[in-house]
Amino acid sequence: MNPRVLPALSLLLGCTRSTELLPPGDDASLDRPLIVDRFIIPDSFVPQDSETLVDVDLTRRRYPFCPRTIDVYGGTNFVFPTCGGPEGVPYDSGAGLAGSESRGYDQTLAGRLSVRLEEDADLASIPGSTWTIRSCAGIGESLSQLVPPLEDDACGRNSPPTDDQYLNICTENPAPVLLIAASMLDDRCHGGGPDSDQVDDPITYKAHYQQRLNTFLASRRPRFALIGPRTEWTDPSMSSFAMPSCWWARPSWEKEALESWKPDDSLRIETELVDDLNDQFKRHHRCCREMNLKPCGPNWFDRWMAGAVNCDGAQQIVEFWHNALKRWLLSNDFECP
């Protein structure tokens, strides 16, 4: 690699990473919280101009678990219902959806990642034999659905749904590795968009986001969590009687909340953060021209199902998360029992 490439990627990406390493052979040190605050930009989305790249801290860590069992959480665009994925939750929510024998699994993000990871020759050296990638995602799933309702978010018609269909998803035998696009854009109690009649209150929104994320992680207790905001950008969901709009604040509030989030000390979970594809998806959305973005590309969204990506958009999301997982896997060491 060009030596000039390695003095500028963490400044460009706004990256910081703990340099504290686990002492060799000292698994007991995992009994304390291990915090990593860093945004990973998958390699396919990093500028390749060596003049703009800067140093990345690739200090390796040693994890005393197998990384080949992963639970994948996210909303509609992690199951791809308009590109062959399941429509709804046609499976035992406690067990999640896994294995090609499960209807629709192969077309979910988890199913596609399973194939990509299995076929990736670069990952052959990762300890373990097979990949078990479980889909814990669903249409309309959000942080608001993954944890019990907050009393402060009982605000009438602007409240997030509370039907509990995702509250216990994948609680049976949680995987040591958890991947989530942590989003709660369905919480309209604090304004932030034309779909809400509440006063804008980004401070409370961010506090509730962080509270829900900690509550969710406490309920699953992974050894490691790879966390991003909602991967794709889309316009706010409006009623059929309202004019569509391209402008809302909650997506940026969400990203800011994740950037400043710290896991509760009691969690004892190591985490890494990933960025998102919001800017790319804006350029492949009907809102591109209204936002005066250039260039605008082919639409990555379904014509009929609001907010759902089409197969082109699905492929972008698969590539993004495959690269994020691959980078983490190759940057660290693992021990299988």
C-alpha atoms as a PDB file:
ATOM      1  CA  MET A   1       0.000   0.000   0.000  1.00  0.00           C
ATOM      2  CA  ASN A   2       1.181   3.499  -0.772  1.00  0.00           C
ATOM      3  CA  PRO A   3       2.670   4.882   2.488  1.00  0.00           C
ATOM      4  CA  ARG A   4       0.737   8.076   1.895  1.00  0.00           C
ATOM      5  CA  VAL A   5      -2.490   6.125   2.072  1.00  0.00           C
ATOM      6  CA  LEU A   6      -2.056   5.280   5.741  1.00  0.00           C
ATOM      7  CA  PRO A   7      -1.665   8.872   7.345  1.00  0.00           C
ATOM      8  CA  ALA A   8      -5.255  10.343   6.619  1.00  0.00           C
ATOM      9  CA  LEU A   9      -8.512   7.539   6.472  1.00  0.00           C
ATOM     10  CA  SER A  10      -9.380   7.941  10.208  1.00  0.00           C
ATOM     11  CA  LEU A  11      -9.439  11.754   9.981  1.00  0.00           C
ATOM     12  CA  LEU A  12     -11.489  11.531   6.816  1.00  0.00           C
ATOM     13  CA  LEU A  13     -13.892   9.070   8.410  1.00  0.00           C
ATOM     14  CA  GLY A  14     -13.927  10.711  11.821  1.00  0.00           C
ATOM     15  CA  CYS A  15     -12.602   7.497  13.356  1.00  0.00           C
ATOM     16  CA  THR A  16     -11.364   6.814  16.820  1.00  0.00           C
ATOM     17  CA  ARG A  17     -10.647   3.394  18.215  1.00  0.00           C
ATOM     18  CA  SER A  18      -9.520   2.175  21.576  1.00  0.00           C
ATOM     19  CA  THR A  19      -5.901   1.054  21.471  1.00  0.00           C
ATOM     20  CA  GLU A  20      -6.311  -1.057  24.630  1.00  0.00           C
ATOM     21  CA  LEU A  21      -5.710  -4.683  23.695  1.00  0.00           C
ATOM     22  CA  LEU A  22      -6.778  -7.810  25.491  1.00  0.00           C
ATOM     23  CA  PRO A  23      -3.732  -9.299  27.221  1.00  0.00           C
ATOM     24  CA  PRO A  24      -2.749 -12.542  25.470  1.00  0.00           C
ATOM     25  CA  GLY A  25      -4.508 -15.491  27.083  1.00  0.00           C
ATOM     26  CA  ASP A  26      -6.492 -13.289  29.478  1.00  0.00           C
ATOM     27  CA  ASP A  27     -10.131 -13.985  28.661  1.00  0.00           C
ATOM     28  CA  ALA A  28     -11.173 -12.745  32.099  1.00  0.00           C
ATOM     29  CA  SER A  29     -10.595  -9.205  30.909  1.00  0.00           C
ATOM     30  CA  LEU A  30     -13.837  -9.556  28.931  1.00  0.00           C
ATOM     31  CA  ASP A  31     -15.661  -9.210  32.256  1.00  0.00           C
ATOM     32  CA  ARG A  32     -15.354  -5.457  31.961  1.00  0.00           C
ATOM     33  CA  PRO A  33     -16.886  -3.268  29.262  1.00  0.00           C
ATOM     34  CA  LEU A  34     -14.870  -2.964  26.085  1.00  0.00           C
ATOM     35  CA  ILE A  35     -15.913   0.088  24.136  1.00  0.00           C
ATOM     36  CA  VAL A  36     -14.938   0.936  20.594  1.00  0.00           C
ATOM     37  CA  ASP A  37     -16.251   4.169  19.112  1.00  0.00           C
ATOM     38  CA  ARG A  38     -15.488   4.059  15.430  1.00  0.00           C
ATOM     39  CA  PHE A  39     -17.290   4.366  12.146  1.00  0.00           C
ATOM     40  CA  ILE A  40     -16.325   1.772   9.541  1.00  0.00           C
ATOM     41  CA  ILE A  41     -16.752   2.735   5.922  1.00  0.00           C
ATOM     42  CA  PRO A  42     -16.791  -0.500   3.905  1.00  0.00           C
ATOM     43  CA  ASP A  43     -13.956  -0.528   1.374  1.00  0.00           C
ATOM     44  CA  SER A  44     -16.217  -0.312  -1.668  1.00  0.00           C
ATOM     45  CA  PHE A  45     -17.400   3.109  -0.497  1.00  0.00           C
ATOM     46  CA  VAL A  46     -13.996   4.559   0.465  1.00  0.00           C
ATOM     47  CA  PRO A  47     -12.410   6.982  -2.052  1.00  0.00           C
ATOM     48  CA  GLN A  48      -9.518   5.281  -3.805  1.00  0.00           C
ATOM     49  CA  ASP A  49      -7.517   8.467  -4.361  1.00  0.00           C
ATOM     50  CA  SER A  50      -4.375   7.896  -2.290  1.00  0.00           C
ATOM     51  CA  GLU A  51      -3.983  11.635  -1.823  1.00  0.00           C
ATOM     52  CA  THR A  52      -7.201  11.737   0.231  1.00  0.00           C
ATOM     53  CA  LEU A  53      -6.721   8.590   2.313  1.00  0.00           C
ATOM     54  CA  VAL A  54      -5.339   8.702   5.816  1.00  0.00           C
ATOM     55  CA  ASP A  55      -4.113   6.418   8.548  1.00  0.00           C
ATOM     56  CA  VAL A  56      -6.406   3.675   9.820  1.00  0.00           C
ATOM     57  CA  ASP A  57      -5.750   2.068  13.186  1.00  0.00           C
ATOM     58  CA  LEU A  58      -5.968  -1.615  12.329  1.00  0.00           C
ATOM     59  CA  THR A  59      -4.735  -2.826  15.706  1.00  0.00           C
ATOM     60  CA  ARG A  60      -5.962  -6.388  15.967  1.00  0.00           C
ATOM     61  CA  ARG A  61      -8.080  -7.641  18.834  1.00  0.00           C
ATOM     62  CA  ARG A  62      -8.503 -11.217  20.002  1.00  0.00           C
ATOM     63  CA  TYR A  63     -12.050 -12.448  20.602  1.00  0.00           C
ATOM     64  CA  PRO A  64     -12.600 -15.712  22.545  1.00  0.00           C
ATOM     65  CA  PHE A  65     -15.595 -16.809  20.458  1.00  0.00           C
ATOM     66  CA  CYS A  66     -16.434 -18.006  16.948  1.00  0.00           C
ATOM     67  CA  PRO A  67     -17.682 -15.181  14.709  1.00  0.00           C
ATOM     68  CA  ARG A  68     -19.559 -17.407  12.261  1.00  0.00           C
ATOM     69  CA  THR A  69     -22.928 -17.233  14.054  1.00  0.00           C
ATOM     70  CA  ILE A  70     -24.573 -13.850  13.476  1.00  0.00           C
ATOM     71  CA  ASP A  71     -28.047 -12.423  14.162  1.00  0.00           C
ATOM     72  CA  VAL A  72     -29.166  -9.715  11.700  1.00  0.00           C
ATOM     73  CA  TYR A  73     -31.717  -7.098  12.823  1.00  0.00           C
ATOM     74  CA  GLY A  74     -33.306  -4.414  10.693  1.00  0.00           C
ATOM     75  CA  GLY A  75     -36.476  -3.199   9.056  1.00  0.00           C
ATOM     76  CA  THR A  76     -38.250  -3.727   5.759  1.00  0.00           C
ATOM     77  CA  ASN A  77     -35.116  -3.283   3.701  1.00  0.00           C
ATOM     78  CA  PHE A  78     -33.319  -6.117   5.470  1.00  0.00           C
ATOM     79  CA  VAL A  79     -35.904  -8.665   4.305  1.00  0.00           C
ATOM     80  CA  PHE A  80     -36.436  -7.301   0.754  1.00  0.00           C
ATOM     81  CA  PRO A  81     -40.152  -8.151   0.372  1.00  0.00           C
ATOM     82  CA  THR A  82     -40.241  -6.682  -3.161  1.00  0.00           C
ATOM     83  CA  CYS A  83     -37.217  -8.730  -4.232  1.00  0.00           C
ATOM     84  CA  GLY A  84     -38.242 -12.236  -3.184  1.00  0.00           C
ATOM     85  CA  GLY A  85     -38.027 -11.888   0.597  1.00  0.00           C
ATOM     86  CA  PRO A  86     -40.783 -12.787   3.077  1.00  0.00           C
ATOM     87  CA  GLU A  87     -43.782 -10.507   3.480  1.00  0.00           C
ATOM     88  CA  GLY A  88     -44.460 -10.334   7.202  1.00  0.00           C
ATOM     89  CA  VAL A  89     -43.220 -12.642   9.940  1.00  0.00           C
ATOM     90  CA  PRO A  90     -44.165 -16.169   8.738  1.00  0.00           C
ATOM     91  CA  TYR A  91     -42.017 -17.923  11.336  1.00  0.00           C
ATOM     92  CA  ASP A  92     -41.572 -18.414  15.045  1.00  0.00           C
ATOM     93  CA  SER A  93     -40.314 -15.003  16.092  1.00  0.00           C
ATOM     94  CA  GLY A  94     -38.351 -16.378  19.031  1.00  0.00           C
ATOM     95  CA  ALA A  95     -36.325 -18.612  16.725  1.00  0.00           C
ATOM     96  CA  GLY A  96     -35.944 -16.134  13.878  1.00  0.00           C
ATOM     97  CA  LEU A  97     -35.495 -17.249  10.285  1.00  0.00           C
ATOM     98  CA  ALA A  98     -32.474 -19.301   9.231  1.00  0.00           C
ATOM     99  CA  GLY A  99     -31.520 -21.907   6.673  1.00  0.00           C
ATOM    100  CA  SER A 100     -32.404 -22.169   3.001  1.00  0.00           C
ATOM    101  CA  GLU A 101     -35.268 -24.525   3.890  1.00  0.00           C
ATOM    102  CA  SER A 102     -37.060 -21.585   5.534  1.00  0.00           C
ATOM    103  CA  ARG A 103     -39.397 -19.889   3.075  1.00  0.00           C
ATOM    104  CA  GLY A 104     -38.004 -16.582   1.842  1.00  0.00           C
ATOM    105  CA  TYR A 105     -34.793 -16.786   3.881  1.00  0.00           C
ATOM    106  CA  ASP A 106     -32.437 -16.953   0.906  1.00  0.00           C
ATOM    107  CA  GLN A 107     -33.628 -13.541  -0.318  1.00  0.00           C
ATOM    108  CA  THR A 108     -33.249 -11.715   3.002  1.00  0.00           C
ATOM    109  CA  LEU A 109     -30.114  -9.763   3.854  1.00  0.00           C
ATOM    110  CA  ALA A 110     -29.129 -12.572   6.249  1.00  0.00           C
ATOM    111  CA  GLY A 111     -29.596 -15.228   3.571  1.00  0.00           C
ATOM    112  CA  ARG A 112     -27.633 -13.289   0.988  1.00  0.00           C
ATOM    113  CA  LEU A 113     -24.855 -12.544   3.470  1.00  0.00           C
ATOM    114  CA  SER A 114     -24.646 -16.254   4.292  1.00  0.00           C
ATOM    115  CA  VAL A 115     -23.918 -17.031   0.644  1.00  0.00           C
ATOM    116  CA  ARG A 116     -21.485 -14.145   0.215  1.00  0.00           C
ATOM    117  CA  LEU A 117     -19.504 -15.040   3.328  1.00  0.00           C
ATOM    118  CA  GLU A 118     -19.400 -18.738   2.414  1.00  0.00           C
ATOM    119  CA  GLU A 119     -18.125 -17.989  -1.090  1.00  0.00           C
ATOM    120  CA  ASP A 120     -15.581 -15.353  -0.049  1.00  0.00           C
ATOM    121  CA  ALA A 121     -12.161 -17.011  -0.336  1.00  0.00           C
ATOM    122  CA  ASP A 122     -10.600 -14.227   1.721  1.00  0.00           C
ATOM    123  CA  LEU A 123     -12.551 -15.474   4.753  1.00  0.00           C
ATOM    124  CA  ALA A 124     -11.486 -19.119   4.533  1.00  0.00           C
ATOM    125  CA  SER A 125      -9.011 -18.590   7.369  1.00  0.00           C
ATOM    126  CA  ILE A 126     -11.700 -17.462   9.829  1.00  0.00           C
ATOM    127  CA  PRO A 127     -12.018 -20.136  12.561  1.00  0.00           C
ATOM    128  CA  GLY A 128     -15.053 -22.386  12.455  1.00  0.00           C
ATOM    129  CA  SER A 129     -16.633 -24.471   9.715  1.00  0.00           C
ATOM    130  CA  THR A 130     -19.946 -23.011   8.539  1.00  0.00           C
ATOM    131  CA  TRP A 131     -21.724 -19.676   8.635  1.00  0.00           C
ATOM    132  CA  THR A 132     -25.045 -19.455  10.491  1.00  0.00           C
ATOM    133  CA  ILE A 133     -26.606 -16.097   9.685  1.00  0.00           C
ATOM    134  CA  ARG A 134     -30.077 -15.725  11.211  1.00  0.00           C
ATOM    135  CA  SER A 135     -32.618 -13.203   9.938  1.00  0.00           C
ATOM    136  CA  CYS A 136     -34.121 -11.306  12.866  1.00  0.00           C
ATOM    137  CA  ALA A 137     -35.434  -8.529  10.622  1.00  0.00           C
ATOM    138  CA  GLY A 138     -38.979  -7.776   9.537  1.00  0.00           C
ATOM    139  CA  ILE A 139     -41.269  -5.366   7.754  1.00  0.00           C
ATOM    140  CA  GLY A 140     -41.698  -2.287   9.939  1.00  0.00           C
ATOM    141  CA  GLU A 141     -39.221  -3.513  12.544  1.00  0.00           C
ATOM    142  CA  SER A 142     -37.512  -0.729  14.491  1.00  0.00           C
ATOM    143  CA  LEU A 143     -35.950  -0.059  17.878  1.00  0.00           C
ATOM    144  CA  SER A 144     -39.420   1.042  18.943  1.00  0.00           C
ATOM    145  CA  GLN A 145     -40.674  -2.483  18.181  1.00  0.00           C
ATOM    146  CA  LEU A 146     -37.734  -4.362  19.686  1.00  0.00           C
ATOM    147  CA  VAL A 147     -38.152  -3.025  23.236  1.00  0.00           C
ATOM    148  CA  PRO A 148     -41.140  -2.356  25.517  1.00  0.00           C
ATOM    149  CA  PRO A 149     -42.905   0.989  24.905  1.00  0.00           C
ATOM    150  CA  LEU A 150     -41.587   4.095  26.639  1.00  0.00           C
ATOM    151  CA  GLU A 151     -44.181   5.921  28.720  1.00  0.00           C
ATOM    152  CA  ASP A 152     -42.859   9.232  27.406  1.00  0.00           C
ATOM    153  CA  ASP A 153     -43.692   8.168  23.869  1.00  0.00           C
ATOM    154  CA  ALA A 154     -47.428   7.764  24.378  1.00  0.00           C
ATOM    155  CA  CYS A 155     -48.415  10.736  22.245  1.00  0.00           C
ATOM    156  CA  GLY A 156     -51.546   9.610  20.483  1.00  0.00           C
ATOM    157  CA  ARG A 157     -51.490   9.084  16.742  1.00  0.00           C
ATOM    158  CA  ASN A 158     -47.810  10.050  16.541  1.00  0.00           C
ATOM    159  CA  SER A 159     -46.760   7.200  18.847  1.00  0.00           C
ATOM    160  CA  PRO A 160     -44.748   4.341  17.342  1.00  0.00           C
ATOM    161  CA  PRO A 161     -46.691   1.078  16.866  1.00  0.00           C
ATOM    162  CA  THR A 162     -46.774  -1.184  19.914  1.00  0.00           C
ATOM    163  CA  ASP A 163     -48.074  -4.509  18.610  1.00  0.00           C
ATOM    164  CA  ASP A 164     -45.082  -6.389  20.092  1.00  0.00           C
ATOM    165  CA  GLN A 165     -44.626  -8.694  17.092  1.00  0.00           C
ATOM    166  CA  TYR A 166     -40.869  -8.107  17.171  1.00  0.00           C
ATOM    167  CA  LEU A 167     -40.347  -7.794  20.923  1.00  0.00           C
ATOM    168  CA  ASN A 168     -39.088 -11.371  21.334  1.00  0.00           C
ATOM    169  CA  ILE A 169     -37.638 -11.976  17.899  1.00  0.00           C
ATOM    170  CA  CYS A 170     -34.482 -14.125  17.993  1.00  0.00           C
ATOM    171  CA  THR A 171     -34.453 -14.307  21.790  1.00  0.00           C
ATOM    172  CA  GLU A 172     -33.910 -18.071  21.559  1.00  0.00           C
ATOM    173  CA  ASN A 173     -30.184 -18.833  21.572  1.00  0.00           C
ATOM    174  CA  PRO A 174     -28.918 -15.333  20.708  1.00  0.00           C
ATOM    175  CA  ALA A 175     -25.792 -15.327  18.539  1.00  0.00           C
ATOM    176  CA  PRO A 176     -22.472 -14.031  19.892  1.00  0.00           C
ATOM    177  CA  VAL A 177     -22.348 -11.548  17.006  1.00  0.00           C
ATOM    178  CA  LEU A 178     -25.204  -9.130  16.374  1.00  0.00           C
ATOM    179  CA  LEU A 179     -25.639  -6.869  13.345  1.00  0.00           C
ATOM    180  CA  ILE A 180     -28.273  -4.146  13.443  1.00  0.00           C
ATOM    181  CA  ALA A 181     -29.386  -1.094  11.505  1.00  0.00           C
ATOM    182  CA  ALA A 182     -30.720   0.625  14.620  1.00  0.00           C
ATOM    183  CA  SER A 183     -33.555   2.905  13.568  1.00  0.00           C
ATOM    184  CA  MET A 184     -36.675   4.318  15.182  1.00  0.00           C
ATOM    185  CA  LEU A 185     -37.931   6.662  12.479  1.00  0.00           C
ATOM    186  CA  ASP A 186     -41.463   5.487  13.307  1.00  0.00           C
ATOM    187  CA  ASP A 187     -41.323   7.466  16.594  1.00  0.00           C
ATOM    188  CA  ARG A 188     -43.067  10.698  15.621  1.00  0.00           C
ATOM    189  CA  CYS A 189     -43.602  11.951  19.183  1.00  0.00           C
ATOM    190  CA  HIS A 190     -40.803  14.494  18.876  1.00  0.00           C
ATOM    191  CA  GLY A 191     -41.518  16.014  15.482  1.00  0.00           C
ATOM    192  CA  GLY A 192     -38.695  15.950  12.995  1.00  0.00           C
ATOM    193  CA  GLY A 193     -40.752  15.541   9.842  1.00  0.00           C
ATOM    194  CA  PRO A 194     -43.936  16.446   7.950  1.00  0.00           C
ATOM    195  CA  ASP A 195     -45.472  13.152   9.132  1.00  0.00           C
ATOM    196  CA  SER A 196     -45.677  14.492  12.717  1.00  0.00           C
ATOM    197  CA  ASP A 197     -47.694  17.317  14.245  1.00  0.00           C
ATOM    198  CA  GLN A 198     -45.456  17.461  17.334  1.00  0.00           C
ATOM    199  CA  VAL A 199     -42.941  20.215  18.110  1.00  0.00           C
ATOM    200  CA  ASP A 200     -39.403  19.379  17.019  1.00  0.00           C
ATOM    201  CA  ASP A 201     -37.468  18.033  20.002  1.00  0.00           C
ATOM    202  CA  PRO A 202     -34.218  16.447  18.805  1.00  0.00           C
ATOM    203  CA  ILE A 203     -32.739  16.253  22.321  1.00  0.00           C
ATOM    204  CA  THR A 204     -35.475  13.957  23.631  1.00  0.00           C
ATOM    205  CA  TYR A 205     -35.532  11.969  20.399  1.00  0.00           C
ATOM    206  CA  LYS A 206     -31.809  11.249  20.686  1.00  0.00           C
ATOM    207  CA  ALA A 207     -32.109  10.366  24.377  1.00  0.00           C
ATOM    208  CA  HIS A 208     -34.906   7.891  23.629  1.00  0.00           C
ATOM    209  CA  TYR A 209     -32.912   6.405  20.754  1.00  0.00           C
ATOM    210  CA  GLN A 210     -29.951   5.747  23.029  1.00  0.00           C
ATOM    211  CA  GLN A 211     -32.188   4.402  25.795  1.00  0.00           C
ATOM    212  CA  ARG A 212     -33.886   1.977  23.417  1.00  0.00           C
ATOM    213  CA  LEU A 213     -30.591   0.809  21.936  1.00  0.00           C
ATOM    214  CA  ASN A 214     -29.193   0.005  25.383  1.00  0.00           C
ATOM    215  CA  THR A 215     -32.411  -1.781  26.372  1.00  0.00           C
ATOM    216  CA  PHE A 216     -32.337  -3.845  23.191  1.00  0.00           C
ATOM    217  CA  LEU A 217     -28.695  -4.878  23.582  1.00  0.00           C
ATOM    218  CA  ALA A 218     -29.337  -5.807  27.220  1.00  0.00           C
ATOM    219  CA  SER A 219     -32.139  -8.131  26.077  1.00  0.00           C
ATOM    220  CA  ARG A 220     -29.909 -10.000  23.571  1.00  0.00           C
ATOM    221  CA  ARG A 221     -26.484  -9.832  25.278  1.00  0.00           C
ATOM    222  CA  PRO A 222     -24.210 -10.477  22.280  1.00  0.00           C
ATOM    223  CA  ARG A 223     -20.453 -10.644  22.728  1.00  0.00           C
ATOM    224  CA  PHE A 224     -20.002  -8.178  19.874  1.00  0.00           C
ATOM    225  CA  ALA A 225     -22.398  -5.827  18.052  1.00  0.00           C
ATOM    226  CA  LEU A 226     -21.891  -4.159  14.671  1.00  0.00           C
ATOM    227  CA  ILE A 227     -24.274  -1.199  14.703  1.00  0.00           C
ATOM    228  CA  GLY A 228     -25.347   1.359  12.138  1.00  0.00           C
ATOM    229  CA  PRO A 229     -28.234   3.771  11.715  1.00  0.00           C
ATOM    230  CA  ARG A 230     -30.819   2.964   9.048  1.00  0.00           C
ATOM    231  CA  THR A 231     -28.702   1.950   6.067  1.00  0.00           C
ATOM    232  CA  GLU A 232     -30.795   3.475   3.298  1.00  0.00           C
ATOM    233  CA  TRP A 233     -32.481   6.863   3.033  1.00  0.00           C
ATOM    234  CA  THR A 234     -36.071   7.294   1.949  1.00  0.00           C
ATOM    235  CA  ASP A 235     -38.686   9.998   2.275  1.00  0.00           C
ATOM    236  CA  PRO A 236     -41.045  10.138   5.278  1.00  0.00           C
ATOM    237  CA  SER A 237     -44.089   7.897   5.144  1.00  0.00           C
ATOM    238  CA  MET A 238     -47.099  10.122   4.577  1.00  0.00           C
ATOM    239  CA  SER A 239     -50.812   9.359   4.681  1.00  0.00           C
ATOM    240  CA  SER A 240     -52.537   8.877   1.347  1.00  0.00           C
ATOM    241  CA  PHE A 241     -54.153  12.305   1.796  1.00  0.00           C
ATOM    242  CA  ALA A 242     -50.928  14.247   2.391  1.00  0.00           C
ATOM    243  CA  MET A 243     -48.578  15.686  -0.178  1.00  0.00           C
ATOM    244  CA  PRO A 244     -45.326  13.704  -0.372  1.00  0.00           C
ATOM    245  CA  SER A 245     -42.286  15.442   1.039  1.00  0.00           C
ATOM    246  CA  CYS A 246     -38.540  14.966   0.686  1.00  0.00           C
ATOM    247  CA  TRP A 247     -37.497  16.864   3.784  1.00  0.00           C
ATOM    248  CA  TRP A 248     -37.282  15.578   7.330  1.00  0.00           C
ATOM    249  CA  ALA A 249     -34.834  15.724  10.232  1.00  0.00           C
ATOM    250  CA  ARG A 250     -35.207  12.411  12.056  1.00  0.00           C
ATOM    251  CA  PRO A 251     -32.669  10.506   9.903  1.00  0.00           C
ATOM    252  CA  SER A 252     -29.937  12.992  10.829  1.00  0.00           C
ATOM    253  CA  TRP A 253     -31.069  13.050  14.488  1.00  0.00           C
ATOM    254  CA  GLU A 254     -30.734   9.283  14.523  1.00  0.00           C
ATOM    255  CA  LYS A 255     -27.207   9.319  13.149  1.00  0.00           C
ATOM    256  CA  GLU A 256     -26.150  12.015  15.639  1.00  0.00           C
ATOM    257  CA  ALA A 257     -27.658   9.968  18.479  1.00  0.00           C
ATOM    258  CA  LEU A 258     -25.653   6.908  17.469  1.00  0.00           C
ATOM    259  CA  GLU A 259     -22.435   8.903  17.113  1.00  0.00           C
ATOM    260  CA  SER A 260     -22.720  10.151  20.712  1.00  0.00           C
ATOM    261  CA  TRP A 261     -24.101   6.897  22.164  1.00  0.00           C
ATOM    262  CA  LYS A 262     -22.209   4.965  24.817  1.00  0.00           C
ATOM    263  CA  PRO A 263     -23.213   1.440  25.881  1.00  0.00           C
ATOM    264  CA  ASP A 264     -24.374   1.114  29.479  1.00  0.00           C
ATOM    265  CA  ASP A 265     -21.482  -0.043  31.654  1.00  0.00           C
ATOM    266  CA  SER A 266     -23.523  -3.054  32.728  1.00  0.00           C
ATOM    267  CA  LEU A 267     -23.757  -4.390  29.159  1.00  0.00           C
ATOM    268  CA  ARG A 268     -20.144  -5.558  28.859  1.00  0.00           C
ATOM    269  CA  ILE A 269     -20.516  -5.680  25.095  1.00  0.00           C
ATOM    270  CA  GLU A 270     -17.900  -4.654  22.586  1.00  0.00           C
ATOM    271  CA  THR A 271     -19.266  -2.619  19.709  1.00  0.00           C
ATOM    272  CA  GLU A 272     -18.250  -1.061  16.437  1.00  0.00           C
ATOM    273  CA  LEU A 273     -20.259   1.426  14.430  1.00  0.00           C
ATOM    274  CA  VAL A 274     -20.794   1.614  10.693  1.00  0.00           C
ATOM    275  CA  ASP A 275     -21.900   4.574   8.638  1.00  0.00           C
ATOM    276  CA  ASP A 276     -24.802   4.407   6.170  1.00  0.00           C
ATOM    277  CA  LEU A 277     -25.686   4.733   2.491  1.00  0.00           C
ATOM    278  CA  ASN A 278     -27.996   7.725   2.912  1.00  0.00           C
ATOM    279  CA  ASP A 279     -26.150   9.948   0.438  1.00  0.00           C
ATOM    280  CA  GLN A 280     -26.021   7.216  -2.199  1.00  0.00           C
ATOM    281  CA  PHE A 281     -29.708   6.365  -1.822  1.00  0.00           C
ATOM    282  CA  LYS A 282     -30.753  10.020  -2.063  1.00  0.00           C
ATOM    283  CA  ARG A 283     -29.222  10.079  -5.539  1.00  0.00           C
ATOM    284  CA  HIS A 284     -31.301   7.053  -6.528  1.00  0.00           C
ATOM    285  CA  HIS A 285     -34.613   8.316  -5.166  1.00  0.00           C
ATOM    286  CA  ARG A 286     -37.393  10.422  -6.649  1.00  0.00           C
ATOM    287  CA  CYS A 287     -36.297  13.209  -4.258  1.00  0.00           C
ATOM    288  CA  CYS A 288     -32.884  13.584  -5.900  1.00  0.00           C
ATOM    289  CA  ARG A 289     -33.898  16.428  -8.194  1.00  0.00           C
ATOM    290  CA  GLU A 290     -35.987  18.201  -5.569  1.00  0.00           C
ATOM    291  CA  MET A 291     -32.927  18.183  -3.318  1.00  0.00           C
ATOM    292  CA  ASN A 292     -30.820  19.597  -6.171  1.00  0.00           C
ATOM    293  CA  LEU A 293     -28.411  16.659  -6.038  1.00  0.00           C
ATOM    294  CA  LYS A 294     -26.258  15.760  -9.022  1.00  0.00           C
ATOM    295  CA  PRO A 295     -25.973  13.349 -10.631  1.00  0.00           C
ATOM    296  CA  CYS A 296     -29.247  11.484 -10.095  1.00  0.00           C
ATOM    297  CA  GLY A 297     -29.201   7.790 -10.948  1.00  0.00           C
ATOM    298  CA  PRO A 298     -31.762   5.051 -11.631  1.00  0.00           C
ATOM    299  CA  ASN A 299     -34.360   4.541  -8.904  1.00  0.00           C
ATOM    300  CA  TRP A 300     -33.426   2.008  -6.207  1.00  0.00           C
ATOM    301  CA  PHE A 301     -36.967   1.883  -4.768  1.00  0.00           C
ATOM    302  CA  ASP A 302     -40.067  -0.147  -5.521  1.00  0.00           C
ATOM    303  CA  ARG A 303     -42.857   1.649  -7.369  1.00  0.00           C
ATOM    304  CA  TRP A 304     -45.693   0.262  -5.247  1.00  0.00           C
ATOM    305  CA  MET A 305     -44.473  -0.461  -1.716  1.00  0.00           C
ATOM    306  CA  ALA A 306     -43.589   2.822  -0.013  1.00  0.00           C
ATOM    307  CA  GLY A 307     -40.025   2.937   1.291  1.00  0.00           C
ATOM    308  CA  ALA A 308     -39.112  -0.555   0.069  1.00  0.00           C
ATOM    309  CA  VAL A 309     -36.022  -0.933  -2.089  1.00  0.00           C
ATOM    310  CA  ASN A 310     -36.081  -2.782  -5.385  1.00  0.00           C
ATOM    311  CA  CYS A 311     -33.541  -5.463  -6.318  1.00  0.00           C
ATOM    312  CA  ASP A 312     -30.942  -2.861  -7.328  1.00  0.00           C
ATOM    313  CA  GLY A 313     -31.258  -1.172  -3.944  1.00  0.00           C
ATOM    314  CA  ALA A 314     -31.155  -4.536  -2.187  1.00  0.00           C
ATOM    315  CA  GLN A 315     -27.844  -5.355  -3.841  1.00  0.00           C
ATOM    316  CA  GLN A 316     -26.322  -2.100  -2.544  1.00  0.00           C
ATOM    317  CA  ILE A 317     -27.339  -2.966   1.019  1.00  0.00           C
ATOM    318  CA  VAL A 318     -25.949  -6.502   0.723  1.00  0.00           C
ATOM    319  CA  GLU A 319     -22.606  -5.214  -0.599  1.00  0.00           C
ATOM    320  CA  PHE A 320     -22.403  -2.599   2.151  1.00  0.00           C
ATOM    321  CA  TRP A 321     -22.914  -5.032   5.026  1.00  0.00           C
ATOM    322  CA  HIS A 322     -20.793  -7.775   3.466  1.00  0.00           C
ATOM    323  CA  ASN A 323     -17.884  -5.329   3.255  1.00  0.00           C
ATOM    324  CA  ALA A 324     -18.443  -4.084   6.815  1.00  0.00           C
ATOM    325  CA  LEU A 325     -18.480  -7.638   8.197  1.00  0.00           C
ATOM    326  CA  LYS A 326     -15.503  -8.689   6.102  1.00  0.00           C
ATOM    327  CA  ARG A 327     -13.423  -5.765   7.262  1.00  0.00           C
ATOM    328  CA  TRP A 328     -14.151  -6.523  10.919  1.00  0.00           C
ATOM    329  CA  LEU A 329     -13.467 -10.243  10.465  1.00  0.00           C
ATOM    330  CA  LEU A 330     -10.136  -9.727   8.723  1.00  0.00           C
ATOM    331  CA  SER A 331      -8.992  -7.030  11.148  1.00  0.00           C
ATOM    332  CA  ASN A 332      -9.253  -9.263  14.230  1.00  0.00           C
ATOM    333  CA  ASP A 333      -8.458 -12.727  15.562  1.00  0.00           C
ATOM    334  CA  PHE A 334     -10.891 -15.298  16.975  1.00  0.00           C
ATOM    335  CA  GLU A 335     -10.805 -18.457  19.057  1.00  0.00           C
ATOM    336  CA  CYS A 336     -13.374 -21.214  18.712  1.00  0.00           C
ATOM    337  CA  PRO A 337     -13.910 -23.599  21.650  1.00  0.00           C
END
